[in-house]
């Protein structure tokens, strides 16, 4: 089973590198929005959190689309294996985007 997980490891690593390069601004905006939320006064915190969640949802959608586009080229069993490996890799590397990626 361990060998099967490694089957997509290099590909997923390259995909996540590409995501990071192409979405550097989004990732930086998420970090800034999270900081803004944690530093916000009580009356502004809800709004700041909403801003943060919107950015995280955008990143999650981009990653889910990346995963879906490649998975659609595979047979069902391989697609399931790839999607699970992709989701695990996102959890390790981009934790903020991993919370809802399985639902997409």
Protein backbone atom coordinates (compact mmCIF):
# COMPACT_ATOMS: atom_id res chain seq x y z
CA UNK A 1 0.00 0.00 0.00
CA UNK A 2 2.84 2.41 0.77
CA UNK A 3 4.14 2.14 -2.80
CA UNK A 4 0.73 3.04 -4.19
CA UNK A 5 0.65 6.30 -2.22
CA UNK A 6 4.01 7.28 -3.62
CA UNK A 7 2.70 6.72 -7.13
CA UNK A 8 1.39 10.29 -7.37
CA UNK A 9 3.75 11.97 -4.89
CA UNK A 10 6.06 13.65 -7.41
CA UNK A 11 3.18 14.83 -9.58
CA UNK A 12 1.30 16.25 -6.61
CA UNK A 13 4.43 17.99 -5.35
CA UNK A 14 4.82 19.69 -8.75
CA UNK A 15 1.14 20.63 -8.81
CA UNK A 16 1.36 22.19 -5.35
CA UNK A 17 4.55 24.03 -6.34
CA UNK A 18 2.66 25.44 -9.33
CA UNK A 19 -0.29 26.41 -7.14
CA UNK A 20 2.07 28.20 -4.77
CA UNK A 21 3.80 30.11 -7.58
CA UNK A 22 0.62 31.06 -9.42
CA UNK A 23 -1.33 31.95 -6.27
CA UNK A 24 1.36 33.62 -4.20
CA UNK A 25 -0.78 36.74 -3.88
CA UNK A 26 -3.79 34.76 -2.67
CA UNK A 27 -1.69 32.92 -0.10
CA UNK A 28 -0.20 36.19 1.13
CA UNK A 29 -3.68 37.74 1.26
CA UNK A 30 -4.87 34.81 3.40
CA UNK A 31 -2.00 35.32 5.82
CA UNK A 32 -2.71 39.06 6.02
CA UNK A 33 -6.46 38.49 6.45
CA UNK A 34 -5.86 36.00 9.25
CA UNK A 35 -3.58 38.48 11.00
CA UNK A 36 -6.14 41.22 10.54
CA UNK A 37 -8.81 38.99 12.06
CA UNK A 38 -6.71 38.03 15.07
CA UNK A 39 -5.80 41.67 15.71
CA UNK A 40 -9.26 43.09 15.11
CA UNK A 41 -11.36 44.67 17.79
CA UNK A 42 -14.42 42.73 18.79
CA UNK A 43 -16.71 44.89 16.63
CA UNK A 44 -14.59 44.26 13.50
CA UNK A 45 -13.64 40.64 14.11
CA UNK A 46 -16.66 39.07 12.43
CA UNK A 47 -16.14 41.09 9.25
CA UNK A 48 -12.42 40.31 9.19
CA UNK A 49 -13.12 36.62 9.69
CA UNK A 50 -15.55 36.68 6.78
CA UNK A 51 -12.86 38.23 4.59
CA UNK A 52 -10.44 35.50 5.63
CA UNK A 53 -12.95 32.70 4.98
CA UNK A 54 -13.71 34.07 1.51
CA UNK A 55 -10.04 34.00 0.60
CA UNK A 56 -9.61 30.48 1.99
CA UNK A 57 -12.62 29.28 -0.01
CA UNK A 58 -11.07 30.73 -3.16
CA UNK A 59 -7.81 28.87 -2.53
CA UNK A 60 -9.67 25.67 -1.74
CA UNK A 61 -11.63 25.94 -4.99
CA UNK A 62 -8.45 26.49 -7.02
CA UNK A 63 -6.86 23.41 -5.46
CA UNK A 64 -10.02 21.32 -5.90
CA UNK A 65 -10.17 22.32 -9.57
CA UNK A 66 -6.53 21.35 -10.02
CA UNK A 67 -7.23 17.99 -8.39
CA UNK A 68 -10.42 17.41 -10.37
CA UNK A 69 -8.84 18.28 -13.71
CA UNK A 70 -6.11 15.68 -13.32
CA UNK A 71 -8.35 13.08 -11.69
CA UNK A 72 -10.71 13.28 -14.67
CA UNK A 73 -7.94 11.79 -16.85
CA UNK A 74 -7.71 8.66 -14.68
CA UNK A 75 -9.87 5.58 -14.27
CA UNK A 76 -12.11 5.60 -11.19
CA UNK A 77 -9.82 3.63 -8.88
CA UNK A 78 -6.73 5.62 -9.78
CA UNK A 79 -8.70 8.88 -9.51
CA UNK A 80 -9.79 7.97 -5.98
CA UNK A 81 -6.23 7.08 -5.00
CA UNK A 82 -4.88 10.29 -6.53
CA UNK A 83 -7.56 12.47 -4.90
CA UNK A 84 -6.85 10.99 -1.47
CA UNK A 85 -3.10 11.52 -1.91
CA UNK A 86 -3.69 15.08 -3.16
CA UNK A 87 -5.90 15.90 -0.18
CA UNK A 88 -3.30 14.55 2.26
CA UNK A 89 -0.59 16.61 0.57
CA UNK A 90 -2.71 19.76 0.77
CA UNK A 91 -3.30 19.08 4.47
CA UNK A 92 0.45 18.87 5.07
CA UNK A 93 1.48 21.82 2.93
CA UNK A 94 -1.48 24.22 2.87
CA UNK A 95 -3.45 23.35 5.99
CA UNK A 96 -5.72 26.41 5.76
CA UNK A 97 -7.06 25.17 2.41
CA UNK A 98 -7.49 21.56 3.49
CA UNK A 99 -10.49 21.86 5.79
CA UNK A 100 -13.13 21.61 3.06
CA UNK A 101 -11.20 20.28 0.09
CA UNK A 102 -12.69 16.80 0.40
CA UNK A 103 -16.17 18.28 0.04
CA UNK A 104 -15.37 19.83 -3.32
